[in-house]
Amino acid sequence: MISFLKTLDGRAWRAVVAGWEPPMITVDCQFIFKSEVDWTDAKGQASMENSRAINVIFNGVDLNVFKLISS
């Protein structure tokens, strides 16, 4: 799986290694998710790479393993 992710796109593999957190803002001392419209291009690209990696992982396993890792 690692090799496949790396050959697909090095950025997708980096998303797996580094993890991904959605952009947040502080409102009244509470963190809330930032609207996707307000994301920077870099955050949008990171989100896309994370989604690509998740898609590869979920499509690369059988149904029983998918049920285990998707919950």
N, C-alpha and C. Protein backbone atom coordinates (compact mmCIF):
# COMPACT_ATOMS: atom_id res chain seq x y z
N MET A 1 0.83 -1.19 0.00
CA MET A 1 0.00 0.00 0.00
C MET A 1 0.88 1.25 0.00
N ILE A 2 1.96 1.23 0.77
CA ILE A 2 2.86 2.39 0.83
C ILE A 2 3.42 2.69 -0.56
N SER A 3 3.89 1.66 -1.23
CA SER A 3 4.46 1.86 -2.57
C SER A 3 3.42 2.40 -3.53
N PHE A 4 2.22 1.87 -3.45
CA PHE A 4 1.17 2.33 -4.35
C PHE A 4 0.84 3.79 -4.10
N LEU A 5 0.73 4.18 -2.84
CA LEU A 5 0.45 5.58 -2.52
C LEU A 5 1.57 6.50 -3.00
N LYS A 6 2.81 6.06 -2.83
CA LYS A 6 3.94 6.88 -3.25
C LYS A 6 3.99 7.03 -4.77
N THR A 7 3.66 5.96 -5.50
CA THR A 7 3.69 6.07 -6.96
C THR A 7 2.49 6.85 -7.49
N LEU A 8 1.38 6.78 -6.80
CA LEU A 8 0.20 7.55 -7.21
C LEU A 8 0.50 9.03 -7.15
N ASP A 9 1.00 9.46 -6.00
CA ASP A 9 1.30 10.87 -5.80
C ASP A 9 2.04 10.99 -4.47
N GLY A 10 3.21 11.54 -4.50
CA GLY A 10 3.99 11.70 -3.27
C GLY A 10 3.27 12.53 -2.23
N ARG A 11 2.44 13.46 -2.68
CA ARG A 11 1.71 14.31 -1.74
C ARG A 11 0.64 13.52 -1.00
N ALA A 12 0.06 12.51 -1.66
CA ALA A 12 -0.93 11.67 -0.99
C ALA A 12 -0.25 10.90 0.15
N TRP A 13 0.94 10.38 -0.11
CA TRP A 13 1.67 9.67 0.94
C TRP A 13 2.03 10.62 2.07
N ARG A 14 2.43 11.83 1.75
CA ARG A 14 2.77 12.82 2.78
C ARG A 14 1.55 13.12 3.64
N ALA A 15 0.36 13.12 3.05
CA ALA A 15 -0.87 13.35 3.82
C ALA A 15 -1.09 12.23 4.83
N VAL A 16 -0.73 11.01 4.47
CA VAL A 16 -0.85 9.88 5.40
C VAL A 16 0.15 10.03 6.53
N VAL A 17 1.38 10.34 6.19
CA VAL A 17 2.44 10.44 7.19
C VAL A 17 2.22 11.62 8.14
N ALA A 18 1.89 12.76 7.58
CA ALA A 18 1.77 13.98 8.39
C ALA A 18 0.41 14.11 9.06
N GLY A 19 -0.58 13.41 8.53
CA GLY A 19 -1.93 13.58 9.05
C GLY A 19 -2.54 14.86 8.49
N TRP A 20 -3.82 15.03 8.71
CA TRP A 20 -4.49 16.22 8.20
C TRP A 20 -5.53 16.68 9.20
N GLU A 21 -5.55 17.95 9.45
CA GLU A 21 -6.53 18.57 10.35
C GLU A 21 -7.26 19.64 9.56
N PRO A 22 -8.58 19.67 9.62
CA PRO A 22 -9.30 20.72 8.90
C PRO A 22 -9.00 22.09 9.51
N PRO A 23 -8.99 23.14 8.70
CA PRO A 23 -8.74 24.48 9.22
C PRO A 23 -9.81 24.88 10.24
N MET A 24 -9.37 25.52 11.31
CA MET A 24 -10.27 25.92 12.38
C MET A 24 -10.11 27.42 12.64
N ILE A 25 -11.16 28.02 13.19
CA ILE A 25 -11.10 29.40 13.66
C ILE A 25 -11.63 29.44 15.09
N THR A 26 -11.28 30.47 15.81
CA THR A 26 -11.74 30.63 17.18
C THR A 26 -12.87 31.65 17.22
N VAL A 27 -13.99 31.21 17.78
CA VAL A 27 -15.15 32.09 17.95
C VAL A 27 -15.63 31.94 19.39
N ASP A 28 -15.62 33.03 20.12
CA ASP A 28 -16.03 33.01 21.53
C ASP A 28 -15.29 31.94 22.33
N CYS A 29 -13.98 31.89 22.14
CA CYS A 29 -13.09 30.95 22.84
C CYS A 29 -13.39 29.49 22.52
N GLN A 30 -14.04 29.22 21.40
CA GLN A 30 -14.30 27.85 20.97
C GLN A 30 -13.77 27.68 19.55
N PHE A 31 -13.22 26.52 19.28
CA PHE A 31 -12.73 26.23 17.93
C PHE A 31 -13.88 25.67 17.10
N ILE A 32 -14.06 26.22 15.91
CA ILE A 32 -15.05 25.71 14.97
C ILE A 32 -14.38 25.53 13.61
N PHE A 33 -14.97 24.65 12.79
CA PHE A 33 -14.41 24.41 11.47
C PHE A 33 -14.60 25.64 10.59
N LYS A 34 -13.57 25.94 9.83
CA LYS A 34 -13.63 27.04 8.88
C LYS A 34 -14.41 26.58 7.65
N SER A 35 -15.20 27.46 7.07
CA SER A 35 -15.92 27.14 5.84
C SER A 35 -14.92 26.83 4.73
N GLU A 36 -15.23 25.85 3.90
CA GLU A 36 -14.31 25.49 2.82
C GLU A 36 -14.06 26.66 1.88
N VAL A 37 -14.98 27.57 1.77
CA VAL A 37 -14.82 28.75 0.92
C VAL A 37 -13.67 29.62 1.43
N ASP A 38 -13.42 29.61 2.74
CA ASP A 38 -12.39 30.45 3.35
C ASP A 38 -11.03 29.77 3.47
N TRP A 39 -10.90 28.54 3.00
CA TRP A 39 -9.63 27.84 3.08
C TRP A 39 -8.62 28.47 2.13
N THR A 40 -7.35 28.43 2.52
CA THR A 40 -6.29 28.85 1.60
C THR A 40 -6.12 27.77 0.53
N ASP A 41 -5.45 28.12 -0.54
CA ASP A 41 -5.19 27.12 -1.59
C ASP A 41 -4.39 25.95 -1.05
N ALA A 42 -3.44 26.23 -0.17
CA ALA A 42 -2.62 25.17 0.41
C ALA A 42 -3.46 24.20 1.24
N LYS A 43 -4.38 24.73 2.03
CA LYS A 43 -5.25 23.87 2.84
C LYS A 43 -6.19 23.06 1.95
N GLY A 44 -6.69 23.67 0.89
CA GLY A 44 -7.54 22.95 -0.05
C GLY A 44 -6.80 21.82 -0.73
N GLN A 45 -5.55 22.08 -1.10
CA GLN A 45 -4.73 21.05 -1.73
C GLN A 45 -4.43 19.93 -0.75
N ALA A 46 -4.12 20.27 0.50
CA ALA A 46 -3.86 19.26 1.52
C ALA A 46 -5.09 18.39 1.75
N SER A 47 -6.26 19.00 1.74
CA SER A 47 -7.50 18.26 1.89
C SER A 47 -7.69 17.29 0.73
N MET A 48 -7.40 17.74 -0.48
CA MET A 48 -7.54 16.88 -1.65
C MET A 48 -6.59 15.70 -1.59
N GLU A 49 -5.35 15.94 -1.17
CA GLU A 49 -4.38 14.85 -1.05
C GLU A 49 -4.81 13.85 0.02
N ASN A 50 -5.34 14.34 1.12
CA ASN A 50 -5.84 13.47 2.18
C ASN A 50 -7.00 12.62 1.65
N SER A 51 -7.91 13.22 0.92
CA SER A 51 -9.04 12.49 0.35
C SER A 51 -8.58 11.44 -0.64
N ARG A 52 -7.58 11.78 -1.44
CA ARG A 52 -7.04 10.83 -2.40
C ARG A 52 -6.43 9.62 -1.68
N ALA A 53 -5.69 9.88 -0.62
CA ALA A 53 -5.07 8.79 0.14
C ALA A 53 -6.14 7.91 0.79
N ILE A 54 -7.16 8.51 1.37
CA ILE A 54 -8.24 7.74 1.99
C ILE A 54 -8.94 6.88 0.94
N ASN A 55 -9.18 7.43 -0.23
CA ASN A 55 -9.83 6.68 -1.31
C ASN A 55 -9.00 5.46 -1.70
N VAL A 56 -7.70 5.64 -1.84
CA VAL A 56 -6.82 4.53 -2.21
C VAL A 56 -6.84 3.46 -1.12
N ILE A 57 -6.76 3.87 0.13
CA ILE A 57 -6.73 2.90 1.23
C ILE A 57 -8.04 2.13 1.30
N PHE A 58 -9.17 2.83 1.26
CA PHE A 58 -10.46 2.16 1.37
C PHE A 58 -10.74 1.25 0.18
N ASN A 59 -10.29 1.62 -1.02
CA ASN A 59 -10.51 0.77 -2.19
C ASN A 59 -9.51 -0.37 -2.29
N GLY A 60 -8.47 -0.33 -1.49
CA GLY A 60 -7.44 -1.36 -1.55
C GLY A 60 -7.61 -2.48 -0.54
N VAL A 61 -8.71 -2.48 0.19
CA VAL A 61 -8.93 -3.51 1.21
C VAL A 61 -10.26 -4.21 0.95
N ASP A 62 -10.42 -5.42 1.49
CA ASP A 62 -11.69 -6.11 1.31
C ASP A 62 -12.74 -5.56 2.27
N LEU A 63 -13.97 -6.01 2.13
CA LEU A 63 -15.10 -5.45 2.86
C LEU A 63 -14.95 -5.58 4.37
N ASN A 64 -14.44 -6.71 4.85
CA ASN A 64 -14.29 -6.91 6.30
C ASN A 64 -13.28 -5.94 6.90
N VAL A 65 -12.17 -5.75 6.23
CA VAL A 65 -11.16 -4.81 6.71
C VAL A 65 -11.69 -3.38 6.60
N PHE A 66 -12.42 -3.09 5.53
CA PHE A 66 -13.00 -1.76 5.37
C PHE A 66 -13.91 -1.42 6.54
N LYS A 67 -14.76 -2.37 6.93
CA LYS A 67 -15.66 -2.14 8.07
C LYS A 67 -14.86 -1.87 9.34
N LEU A 68 -13.75 -2.56 9.50
CA LEU A 68 -12.91 -2.39 10.69
C LEU A 68 -12.25 -1.01 10.72
N ILE A 69 -11.69 -0.56 9.61
CA ILE A 69 -10.93 0.69 9.62
C ILE A 69 -11.78 1.93 9.40
N SER A 70 -12.99 1.77 8.89
CA SER A 70 -13.81 2.95 8.61
C SER A 70 -14.60 3.44 9.81
N SER A 71 -14.60 2.67 10.88
CA SER A 71 -15.38 3.10 12.05
C SER A 71 -14.50 3.75 13.09
